[in-house]
């Protein structure tokens, strides 16, 4: 099987658990996903199967939309309710102030990665340092908050919807929001509702997969709107053989279609900007 399956990940298991389950159901070892969800999180997990694993790097770059719920008054080592409580404090939060602070995060900023994450430093994952209680310099990443909106507010919680760039940690965003508000709180629930063109409304549960009640998107289905060019027989021969071609498309990346199927993605050639080189081949 070659294609993409959009799974609605359940709470309480890892993204790797979902991949392992899918591997057994589909009788293949060749499955990758396009962005880890913490065990506490649910929602869109895009699985790439067979030749479609070549799309993992491409699709991971897409923006993601989340609905996050924040429990106020506690702080944990993992920045979510799955962690150990390290502080408690009464919180009195003004709704208007919260809205203003949320809006202040629209744009780019340098975000610190959570210590309980799988980011590697010197070959070890950060959470391994944390569990061993070893000091490590926590890296920061430039991320972009595209949209953010408060959707619920209560005495001890708030909920917001947010669209973010690749690499954004919602747990870290919540901590940064609360720091700016002068309160403490942690993520108590997270739903990834969209990743690129993939929506939770068109996703399938693991139970759906077990019952063979799901849809597999083809590579062409997924890429057909991504700056596509239908190519001639002559150009097909060049692309098939991985040749450099002239960049006549005024773009940094182009998807080539031949006989109604995606055959390759080409990107700009660093050594000669007038040329395009193979990036992902599907033939």
C-alpha atoms as a PDB file:
ATOM      1  CA  UNK A   1       0.000   0.000   0.000  1.00  0.00           C
ATOM      2  CA  UNK A   2       1.198   3.514  -0.875  1.00  0.00           C
ATOM      3  CA  UNK A   3      -0.763   6.470   0.468  1.00  0.00           C
ATOM      4  CA  UNK A   4      -1.792   8.706   3.345  1.00  0.00           C
ATOM      5  CA  UNK A   5      -4.205   7.897   6.175  1.00  0.00           C
ATOM      6  CA  UNK A   6      -5.403  10.639   8.529  1.00  0.00           C
ATOM      7  CA  UNK A   7      -5.836   9.146  11.994  1.00  0.00           C
ATOM      8  CA  UNK A   8      -7.586  10.712  14.986  1.00  0.00           C
ATOM      9  CA  UNK A   9      -5.081   9.763  17.685  1.00  0.00           C
ATOM     10  CA  UNK A  10      -6.693   8.747  20.994  1.00  0.00           C
ATOM     11  CA  UNK A  11      -5.551  10.027  24.389  1.00  0.00           C
ATOM     12  CA  UNK A  12      -3.189   7.975  26.519  1.00  0.00           C
ATOM     13  CA  UNK A  13      -0.904   6.475  23.862  1.00  0.00           C
ATOM     14  CA  UNK A  14       2.097   7.780  21.958  1.00  0.00           C
ATOM     15  CA  UNK A  15       2.253   8.621  18.269  1.00  0.00           C
ATOM     16  CA  UNK A  16       4.686   5.720  17.918  1.00  0.00           C
ATOM     17  CA  UNK A  17       2.028   3.422  19.416  1.00  0.00           C
ATOM     18  CA  UNK A  18      -0.357   4.503  16.645  1.00  0.00           C
ATOM     19  CA  UNK A  19       2.270   3.784  13.981  1.00  0.00           C
ATOM     20  CA  UNK A  20       2.984   0.359  15.481  1.00  0.00           C
ATOM     21  CA  UNK A  21      -0.740  -0.473  15.514  1.00  0.00           C
ATOM     22  CA  UNK A  22      -1.112   0.669  11.894  1.00  0.00           C
ATOM     23  CA  UNK A  23       1.917  -1.422  10.869  1.00  0.00           C
ATOM     24  CA  UNK A  24       0.219  -4.553  12.244  1.00  0.00           C
ATOM     25  CA  UNK A  25      -3.151  -3.732  10.690  1.00  0.00           C
ATOM     26  CA  UNK A  26      -1.650  -2.986   7.273  1.00  0.00           C
ATOM     27  CA  UNK A  27       1.016  -5.683   7.478  1.00  0.00           C
ATOM     28  CA  UNK A  28       3.873  -3.316   6.665  1.00  0.00           C
ATOM     29  CA  UNK A  29       6.847  -1.793   8.453  1.00  0.00           C
ATOM     30  CA  UNK A  30       7.022   1.202   6.151  1.00  0.00           C
ATOM     31  CA  UNK A  31       4.899   3.848   7.919  1.00  0.00           C
ATOM     32  CA  UNK A  32       5.896   7.275   9.152  1.00  0.00           C
ATOM     33  CA  UNK A  33       3.995  10.167  10.720  1.00  0.00           C
ATOM     34  CA  UNK A  34       4.271  13.909  10.186  1.00  0.00           C
ATOM     35  CA  UNK A  35       4.416  15.336  13.699  1.00  0.00           C
ATOM     36  CA  UNK A  36       4.433  13.824  17.185  1.00  0.00           C
ATOM     37  CA  UNK A  37       1.497  14.256  19.541  1.00  0.00           C
ATOM     38  CA  UNK A  38       2.067  13.830  23.292  1.00  0.00           C
ATOM     39  CA  UNK A  39       0.160  10.979  25.003  1.00  0.00           C
ATOM     40  CA  UNK A  40      -2.186  13.567  26.561  1.00  0.00           C
ATOM     41  CA  UNK A  41      -3.089  14.919  23.107  1.00  0.00           C
ATOM     42  CA  UNK A  42      -5.627  13.725  20.546  1.00  0.00           C
ATOM     43  CA  UNK A  43      -6.430  14.573  16.970  1.00  0.00           C
ATOM     44  CA  UNK A  44      -4.846  14.672  13.546  1.00  0.00           C
ATOM     45  CA  UNK A  45      -1.916  12.320  13.064  1.00  0.00           C
ATOM     46  CA  UNK A  46      -1.030  11.941   9.391  1.00  0.00           C
ATOM     47  CA  UNK A  47       0.344   8.488   8.530  1.00  0.00           C
ATOM     48  CA  UNK A  48       2.400   8.052   5.360  1.00  0.00           C
ATOM     49  CA  UNK A  49       2.494   4.479   4.081  1.00  0.00           C
ATOM     50  CA  UNK A  50       4.873   2.853   1.580  1.00  0.00           C
ATOM     51  CA  UNK A  51       6.211   5.234  -1.064  1.00  0.00           C
ATOM     52  CA  UNK A  52       4.275   8.026   0.666  1.00  0.00           C
ATOM     53  CA  UNK A  53       6.854   7.971   3.498  1.00  0.00           C
ATOM     54  CA  UNK A  54       8.847  10.211   1.152  1.00  0.00           C
ATOM     55  CA  UNK A  55       6.242  12.882   1.925  1.00  0.00           C
ATOM     56  CA  UNK A  56       6.912  12.943   5.683  1.00  0.00           C
ATOM     57  CA  UNK A  57       9.488  15.731   5.402  1.00  0.00           C
ATOM     58  CA  UNK A  58       7.255  17.683   3.005  1.00  0.00           C
ATOM     59  CA  UNK A  59       4.070  17.461   5.077  1.00  0.00           C
ATOM     60  CA  UNK A  60       5.762  18.036   8.449  1.00  0.00           C
ATOM     61  CA  UNK A  61       6.470  21.608   7.331  1.00  0.00           C
ATOM     62  CA  UNK A  62       2.752  22.459   7.174  1.00  0.00           C
ATOM     63  CA  UNK A  63       1.076  24.710   9.757  1.00  0.00           C
ATOM     64  CA  UNK A  64      -0.915  23.031  12.512  1.00  0.00           C
ATOM     65  CA  UNK A  65      -4.125  24.081  14.294  1.00  0.00           C
ATOM     66  CA  UNK A  66      -4.847  23.116  17.899  1.00  0.00           C
ATOM     67  CA  UNK A  67      -7.469  23.601  20.577  1.00  0.00           C
ATOM     68  CA  UNK A  68      -5.708  23.721  23.940  1.00  0.00           C
ATOM     69  CA  UNK A  69      -7.163  23.731  27.454  1.00  0.00           C
ATOM     70  CA  UNK A  70      -5.185  25.211  30.347  1.00  0.00           C
ATOM     71  CA  UNK A  71      -5.673  24.284  33.997  1.00  0.00           C
ATOM     72  CA  UNK A  72      -4.755  27.246  36.198  1.00  0.00           C
ATOM     73  CA  UNK A  73      -3.202  27.223  39.665  1.00  0.00           C
ATOM     74  CA  UNK A  74      -0.694  24.410  39.286  1.00  0.00           C
ATOM     75  CA  UNK A  75       2.707  23.927  37.650  1.00  0.00           C
ATOM     76  CA  UNK A  76       4.221  20.537  36.757  1.00  0.00           C
ATOM     77  CA  UNK A  77       7.631  19.374  35.585  1.00  0.00           C
ATOM     78  CA  UNK A  78       6.217  18.326  32.196  1.00  0.00           C
ATOM     79  CA  UNK A  79       4.051  21.465  31.719  1.00  0.00           C
ATOM     80  CA  UNK A  80       0.925  19.299  31.467  1.00  0.00           C
ATOM     81  CA  UNK A  81      -1.362  17.458  33.869  1.00  0.00           C
ATOM     82  CA  UNK A  82       0.503  14.180  33.278  1.00  0.00           C
ATOM     83  CA  UNK A  83       3.508  15.510  35.219  1.00  0.00           C
ATOM     84  CA  UNK A  84       4.449  15.880  38.877  1.00  0.00           C
ATOM     85  CA  UNK A  85       3.102  19.013  40.565  1.00  0.00           C
ATOM     86  CA  UNK A  86       5.958  21.279  41.634  1.00  0.00           C
ATOM     87  CA  UNK A  87       3.944  24.375  42.577  1.00  0.00           C
ATOM     88  CA  UNK A  88       0.404  25.407  43.534  1.00  0.00           C
ATOM     89  CA  UNK A  89      -0.926  28.942  43.714  1.00  0.00           C
ATOM     90  CA  UNK A  90      -4.305  30.685  43.782  1.00  0.00           C
ATOM     91  CA  UNK A  91      -5.056  32.399  40.476  1.00  0.00           C
ATOM     92  CA  UNK A  92      -7.322  35.350  39.800  1.00  0.00           C
ATOM     93  CA  UNK A  93      -7.299  36.012  36.065  1.00  0.00           C
ATOM     94  CA  UNK A  94      -8.961  38.859  34.166  1.00  0.00           C
ATOM     95  CA  UNK A  95     -10.515  37.815  30.849  1.00  0.00           C
ATOM     96  CA  UNK A  96      -9.682  41.038  29.001  1.00  0.00           C
ATOM     97  CA  UNK A  97      -6.053  40.811  30.098  1.00  0.00           C
ATOM     98  CA  UNK A  98      -5.946  37.206  28.906  1.00  0.00           C
ATOM     99  CA  UNK A  99      -7.288  38.160  25.460  1.00  0.00           C
ATOM    100  CA  UNK A 100      -4.713  40.952  25.160  1.00  0.00           C
ATOM    101  CA  UNK A 101      -1.859  38.650  26.132  1.00  0.00           C
ATOM    102  CA  UNK A 102      -2.999  35.953  23.706  1.00  0.00           C
ATOM    103  CA  UNK A 103      -3.085  38.492  20.885  1.00  0.00           C
ATOM    104  CA  UNK A 104       0.400  39.710  21.806  1.00  0.00           C
ATOM    105  CA  UNK A 105       1.817  36.330  20.774  1.00  0.00           C
ATOM    106  CA  UNK A 106       0.769  36.668  17.133  1.00  0.00           C
ATOM    107  CA  UNK A 107       3.972  36.749  15.085  1.00  0.00           C
ATOM    108  CA  UNK A 108       7.359  35.104  15.569  1.00  0.00           C
ATOM    109  CA  UNK A 109       9.229  34.566  18.822  1.00  0.00           C
ATOM    110  CA  UNK A 110      12.080  32.490  20.215  1.00  0.00           C
ATOM    111  CA  UNK A 111      10.471  29.580  22.089  1.00  0.00           C
ATOM    112  CA  UNK A 112      12.240  27.354  24.611  1.00  0.00           C
ATOM    113  CA  UNK A 113      11.739  23.637  23.985  1.00  0.00           C
ATOM    114  CA  UNK A 114      10.192  21.716  26.938  1.00  0.00           C
ATOM    115  CA  UNK A 115      12.721  19.713  28.963  1.00  0.00           C
ATOM    116  CA  UNK A 116      10.318  16.771  28.701  1.00  0.00           C
ATOM    117  CA  UNK A 117      10.535  16.403  24.926  1.00  0.00           C
ATOM    118  CA  UNK A 118      12.264  14.154  22.395  1.00  0.00           C
ATOM    119  CA  UNK A 119      14.569  16.879  21.053  1.00  0.00           C
ATOM    120  CA  UNK A 120      18.127  15.534  21.044  1.00  0.00           C
ATOM    121  CA  UNK A 121      21.180  17.230  22.557  1.00  0.00           C
ATOM    122  CA  UNK A 122      24.508  15.454  22.083  1.00  0.00           C
ATOM    123  CA  UNK A 123      22.726  12.283  21.014  1.00  0.00           C
ATOM    124  CA  UNK A 124      20.395  12.113  24.026  1.00  0.00           C
ATOM    125  CA  UNK A 125      16.744  13.124  24.226  1.00  0.00           C
ATOM    126  CA  UNK A 126      15.947  16.009  26.546  1.00  0.00           C
ATOM    127  CA  UNK A 127      13.561  13.926  28.630  1.00  0.00           C
ATOM    128  CA  UNK A 128      16.429  11.523  29.331  1.00  0.00           C
ATOM    129  CA  UNK A 129      18.389  14.399  30.913  1.00  0.00           C
ATOM    130  CA  UNK A 130      15.285  15.393  32.878  1.00  0.00           C
ATOM    131  CA  UNK A 131      14.640  11.895  34.215  1.00  0.00           C
ATOM    132  CA  UNK A 132      18.299  11.507  35.178  1.00  0.00           C
ATOM    133  CA  UNK A 133      18.178  14.969  36.818  1.00  0.00           C
ATOM    134  CA  UNK A 134      21.173  16.077  34.736  1.00  0.00           C
ATOM    135  CA  UNK A 135      21.673  19.699  33.742  1.00  0.00           C
ATOM    136  CA  UNK A 136      21.520  20.538  30.055  1.00  0.00           C
ATOM    137  CA  UNK A 137      21.233  23.729  28.036  1.00  0.00           C
ATOM    138  CA  UNK A 138      17.685  23.781  26.702  1.00  0.00           C
ATOM    139  CA  UNK A 139      17.529  24.935  23.071  1.00  0.00           C
ATOM    140  CA  UNK A 140      15.266  27.628  21.675  1.00  0.00           C
ATOM    141  CA  UNK A 141      13.570  27.769  18.291  1.00  0.00           C
ATOM    142  CA  UNK A 142      12.043  30.558  16.256  1.00  0.00           C
ATOM    143  CA  UNK A 143       8.346  29.744  15.855  1.00  0.00           C
ATOM    144  CA  UNK A 144       5.381  31.625  14.451  1.00  0.00           C
ATOM    145  CA  UNK A 145       1.924  31.996  15.957  1.00  0.00           C
ATOM    146  CA  UNK A 146      -0.329  32.614  12.948  1.00  0.00           C
ATOM    147  CA  UNK A 147      -3.715  32.911  14.702  1.00  0.00           C
ATOM    148  CA  UNK A 148      -4.875  32.656  18.303  1.00  0.00           C
ATOM    149  CA  UNK A 149      -8.342  33.050  19.824  1.00  0.00           C
ATOM    150  CA  UNK A 150      -9.852  32.545  23.278  1.00  0.00           C
ATOM    151  CA  UNK A 151     -12.865  30.228  23.025  1.00  0.00           C
ATOM    152  CA  UNK A 152     -13.677  29.439  26.697  1.00  0.00           C
ATOM    153  CA  UNK A 153     -12.888  31.038  30.055  1.00  0.00           C
ATOM    154  CA  UNK A 154     -13.610  29.920  33.618  1.00  0.00           C
ATOM    155  CA  UNK A 155     -12.428  30.419  37.205  1.00  0.00           C
ATOM    156  CA  UNK A 156      -9.677  27.823  36.971  1.00  0.00           C
ATOM    157  CA  UNK A 157      -9.184  27.241  33.255  1.00  0.00           C
ATOM    158  CA  UNK A 158      -9.194  28.737  29.792  1.00  0.00           C
ATOM    159  CA  UNK A 159      -9.328  27.261  26.300  1.00  0.00           C
ATOM    160  CA  UNK A 160      -7.963  28.707  23.066  1.00  0.00           C
ATOM    161  CA  UNK A 161      -7.594  27.844  19.385  1.00  0.00           C
ATOM    162  CA  UNK A 162      -4.226  28.477  17.759  1.00  0.00           C
ATOM    163  CA  UNK A 163      -2.540  28.032  14.367  1.00  0.00           C
ATOM    164  CA  UNK A 164       1.232  27.624  14.531  1.00  0.00           C
ATOM    165  CA  UNK A 165       4.285  26.899  12.420  1.00  0.00           C
ATOM    166  CA  UNK A 166       6.302  23.687  12.414  1.00  0.00           C
ATOM    167  CA  UNK A 167       8.225  23.043  15.624  1.00  0.00           C
ATOM    168  CA  UNK A 168       5.931  24.972  17.967  1.00  0.00           C
ATOM    169  CA  UNK A 169       5.334  23.336  21.358  1.00  0.00           C
ATOM    170  CA  UNK A 170       1.899  24.182  22.746  1.00  0.00           C
ATOM    171  CA  UNK A 171       3.031  23.315  26.297  1.00  0.00           C
ATOM    172  CA  UNK A 172       5.794  25.904  25.972  1.00  0.00           C
ATOM    173  CA  UNK A 173       3.410  28.448  24.451  1.00  0.00           C
ATOM    174  CA  UNK A 174       1.051  27.986  27.405  1.00  0.00           C
ATOM    175  CA  UNK A 175       3.907  28.495  29.869  1.00  0.00           C
ATOM    176  CA  UNK A 176       4.985  31.658  28.039  1.00  0.00           C
ATOM    177  CA  UNK A 177       1.402  32.972  28.020  1.00  0.00           C
ATOM    178  CA  UNK A 178       1.024  32.306  31.744  1.00  0.00           C
ATOM    179  CA  UNK A 179       4.417  33.863  32.530  1.00  0.00           C
ATOM    180  CA  UNK A 180       3.289  37.021  30.752  1.00  0.00           C
ATOM    181  CA  UNK A 181       0.026  36.951  32.703  1.00  0.00           C
ATOM    182  CA  UNK A 182       1.868  36.421  35.995  1.00  0.00           C
ATOM    183  CA  UNK A 183       0.008  33.174  36.766  1.00  0.00           C
ATOM    184  CA  UNK A 184       0.790  29.466  36.734  1.00  0.00           C
ATOM    185  CA  UNK A 185      -1.011  26.769  34.795  1.00  0.00           C
ATOM    186  CA  UNK A 186      -0.462  23.706  32.634  1.00  0.00           C
ATOM    187  CA  UNK A 187      -1.937  22.066  29.559  1.00  0.00           C
ATOM    188  CA  UNK A 188      -4.775  19.755  30.562  1.00  0.00           C
ATOM    189  CA  UNK A 189      -6.067  18.862  27.088  1.00  0.00           C
ATOM    190  CA  UNK A 190      -4.882  19.272  23.501  1.00  0.00           C
ATOM    191  CA  UNK A 191      -6.597  18.471  20.219  1.00  0.00           C
ATOM    192  CA  UNK A 192      -4.833  18.875  16.892  1.00  0.00           C
ATOM    193  CA  UNK A 193      -7.686  19.844  14.610  1.00  0.00           C
ATOM    194  CA  UNK A 194      -5.728  20.493  11.399  1.00  0.00           C
ATOM    195  CA  UNK A 195      -2.374  19.940   9.780  1.00  0.00           C
ATOM    196  CA  UNK A 196      -2.057  21.605   6.418  1.00  0.00           C
ATOM    197  CA  UNK A 197      -5.035  20.436   4.366  1.00  0.00           C
ATOM    198  CA  UNK A 198      -5.812  17.520   6.700  1.00  0.00           C
ATOM    199  CA  UNK A 199      -8.710  18.028   9.131  1.00  0.00           C
ATOM    200  CA  UNK A 200      -9.966  16.087  12.126  1.00  0.00           C
ATOM    201  CA  UNK A 201     -13.364  16.088  10.393  1.00  0.00           C
ATOM    202  CA  UNK A 202     -11.915  13.742   7.754  1.00  0.00           C
ATOM    203  CA  UNK A 203      -9.895  11.516  10.074  1.00  0.00           C
ATOM    204  CA  UNK A 204     -10.330   7.913  11.184  1.00  0.00           C
ATOM    205  CA  UNK A 205     -10.031   6.233  14.572  1.00  0.00           C
ATOM    206  CA  UNK A 206      -7.947   3.127  15.168  1.00  0.00           C
ATOM    207  CA  UNK A 207     -11.246   1.283  15.574  1.00  0.00           C
ATOM    208  CA  UNK A 208     -12.221   2.441  12.067  1.00  0.00           C
ATOM    209  CA  UNK A 209      -8.976   0.988  10.767  1.00  0.00           C
ATOM    210  CA  UNK A 210      -9.531  -2.297  12.609  1.00  0.00           C
ATOM    211  CA  UNK A 211     -12.953  -2.525  10.962  1.00  0.00           C
ATOM    212  CA  UNK A 212     -11.522  -1.627   7.538  1.00  0.00           C
ATOM    213  CA  UNK A 213     -13.634   1.539   7.547  1.00  0.00           C
ATOM    214  CA  UNK A 214     -11.195   4.179   6.358  1.00  0.00           C
ATOM    215  CA  UNK A 215      -9.933   5.954   3.251  1.00  0.00           C
ATOM    216  CA  UNK A 216      -6.406   6.002   1.848  1.00  0.00           C
ATOM    217  CA  UNK A 217      -5.404   9.176   0.011  1.00  0.00           C
ATOM    218  CA  UNK A 218      -3.025   8.713  -2.903  1.00  0.00           C
ATOM    219  CA  UNK A 219       0.169  10.717  -3.259  1.00  0.00           C
ATOM    220  CA  UNK A 220      -1.491  12.511  -6.173  1.00  0.00           C
ATOM    221  CA  UNK A 221      -4.582  13.293  -4.042  1.00  0.00           C
ATOM    222  CA  UNK A 222      -2.356  15.004  -1.487  1.00  0.00           C
ATOM    223  CA  UNK A 223      -0.085  16.906  -3.880  1.00  0.00           C
ATOM    224  CA  UNK A 224      -2.457  17.814  -6.719  1.00  0.00           C
ATOM    225  CA  UNK A 225      -2.860  21.405  -5.494  1.00  0.00           C
ATOM    226  CA  UNK A 226       0.822  21.911  -4.609  1.00  0.00           C
ATOM    227  CA  UNK A 227       2.208  23.961  -7.513  1.00  0.00           C
ATOM    228  CA  UNK A 228       1.749  21.127  -9.999  1.00  0.00           C
ATOM    229  CA  UNK A 229       2.884  20.996 -13.621  1.00  0.00           C
ATOM    230  CA  UNK A 230       1.712  18.405 -16.149  1.00  0.00           C
ATOM    231  CA  UNK A 231       4.768  17.406 -18.163  1.00  0.00           C
ATOM    232  CA  UNK A 232       5.426  16.161 -21.703  1.00  0.00           C
ATOM    233  CA  UNK A 233       6.934  12.833 -22.733  1.00  0.00           C
ATOM    234  CA  UNK A 234      10.281  14.519 -23.335  1.00  0.00           C
ATOM    235  CA  UNK A 235      10.432  16.132 -19.910  1.00  0.00           C
ATOM    236  CA  UNK A 236       9.177  12.915 -18.313  1.00  0.00           C
ATOM    237  CA  UNK A 237      12.261  11.091 -19.593  1.00  0.00           C
ATOM    238  CA  UNK A 238      14.528  13.721 -18.025  1.00  0.00           C
ATOM    239  CA  UNK A 239      12.657  13.713 -14.706  1.00  0.00           C
ATOM    240  CA  UNK A 240      12.522   9.911 -14.622  1.00  0.00           C
ATOM    241  CA  UNK A 241      16.309   9.833 -14.847  1.00  0.00           C
ATOM    242  CA  UNK A 242      16.759  12.495 -12.153  1.00  0.00           C
ATOM    243  CA  UNK A 243      18.226  15.094 -14.492  1.00  0.00           C
ATOM    244  CA  UNK A 244      18.603  18.773 -13.636  1.00  0.00           C
ATOM    245  CA  UNK A 245      16.063  20.855 -15.536  1.00  0.00           C
ATOM    246  CA  UNK A 246      15.655  24.539 -16.281  1.00  0.00           C
ATOM    247  CA  UNK A 247      13.600  26.448 -13.730  1.00  0.00           C
ATOM    248  CA  UNK A 248      10.987  27.867 -16.072  1.00  0.00           C
ATOM    249  CA  UNK A 249       8.369  27.914 -13.335  1.00  0.00           C
ATOM    250  CA  UNK A 250       9.599  30.835 -11.204  1.00  0.00           C
ATOM    251  CA  UNK A 251       9.324  28.762  -8.042  1.00  0.00           C
ATOM    252  CA  UNK A 252      11.518  27.109  -5.428  1.00  0.00           C
ATOM    253  CA  UNK A 253       9.619  23.828  -5.600  1.00  0.00           C
ATOM    254  CA  UNK A 254       7.383  22.158  -8.182  1.00  0.00           C
ATOM    255  CA  UNK A 255       5.413  18.907  -8.387  1.00  0.00           C
ATOM    256  CA  UNK A 256       5.475  17.087 -11.716  1.00  0.00           C
ATOM    257  CA  UNK A 257       2.469  15.081 -12.932  1.00  0.00           C
ATOM    258  CA  UNK A 258       2.555  12.601 -15.797  1.00  0.00           C
ATOM    259  CA  UNK A 259      -0.389  10.442 -16.895  1.00  0.00           C
ATOM    260  CA  UNK A 260      -2.486  11.850 -14.013  1.00  0.00           C
ATOM    261  CA  UNK A 261       0.010  10.730 -11.355  1.00  0.00           C
ATOM    262  CA  UNK A 262       2.631  12.585  -9.342  1.00  0.00           C
ATOM    263  CA  UNK A 263       6.043  11.311 -10.398  1.00  0.00           C
ATOM    264  CA  UNK A 264       8.417  13.712  -8.634  1.00  0.00           C
ATOM    265  CA  UNK A 265       8.915  16.842  -6.588  1.00  0.00           C
ATOM    266  CA  UNK A 266      11.787  19.058  -7.725  1.00  0.00           C
ATOM    267  CA  UNK A 267      13.326  21.965  -5.821  1.00  0.00           C
ATOM    268  CA  UNK A 268      15.711  24.764  -6.642  1.00  0.00           C
ATOM    269  CA  UNK A 269      19.356  23.768  -7.150  1.00  0.00           C
ATOM    270  CA  UNK A 270      21.531  25.633  -4.644  1.00  0.00           C
ATOM    271  CA  UNK A 271      24.568  25.717  -6.939  1.00  0.00           C
ATOM    272  CA  UNK A 272      22.601  27.161  -9.866  1.00  0.00           C
ATOM    273  CA  UNK A 273      19.331  28.953  -9.097  1.00  0.00           C
ATOM    274  CA  UNK A 274      18.292  28.683 -12.754  1.00  0.00           C
ATOM    275  CA  UNK A 275      17.985  24.906 -12.353  1.00  0.00           C
ATOM    276  CA  UNK A 276      15.746  22.518 -10.445  1.00  0.00           C
ATOM    277  CA  UNK A 277      16.961  19.227  -8.969  1.00  0.00           C
ATOM    278  CA  UNK A 278      15.152  16.080  -7.747  1.00  0.00           C
ATOM    279  CA  UNK A 279      13.805  16.321  -4.198  1.00  0.00           C
ATOM    280  CA  UNK A 280      11.353  13.418  -3.891  1.00  0.00           C
ATOM    281  CA  UNK A 281      10.926  10.733  -6.570  1.00  0.00           C
ATOM    282  CA  UNK A 282       7.841   8.503  -6.833  1.00  0.00           C
ATOM    283  CA  UNK A 283       8.764   6.404  -9.901  1.00  0.00           C
END
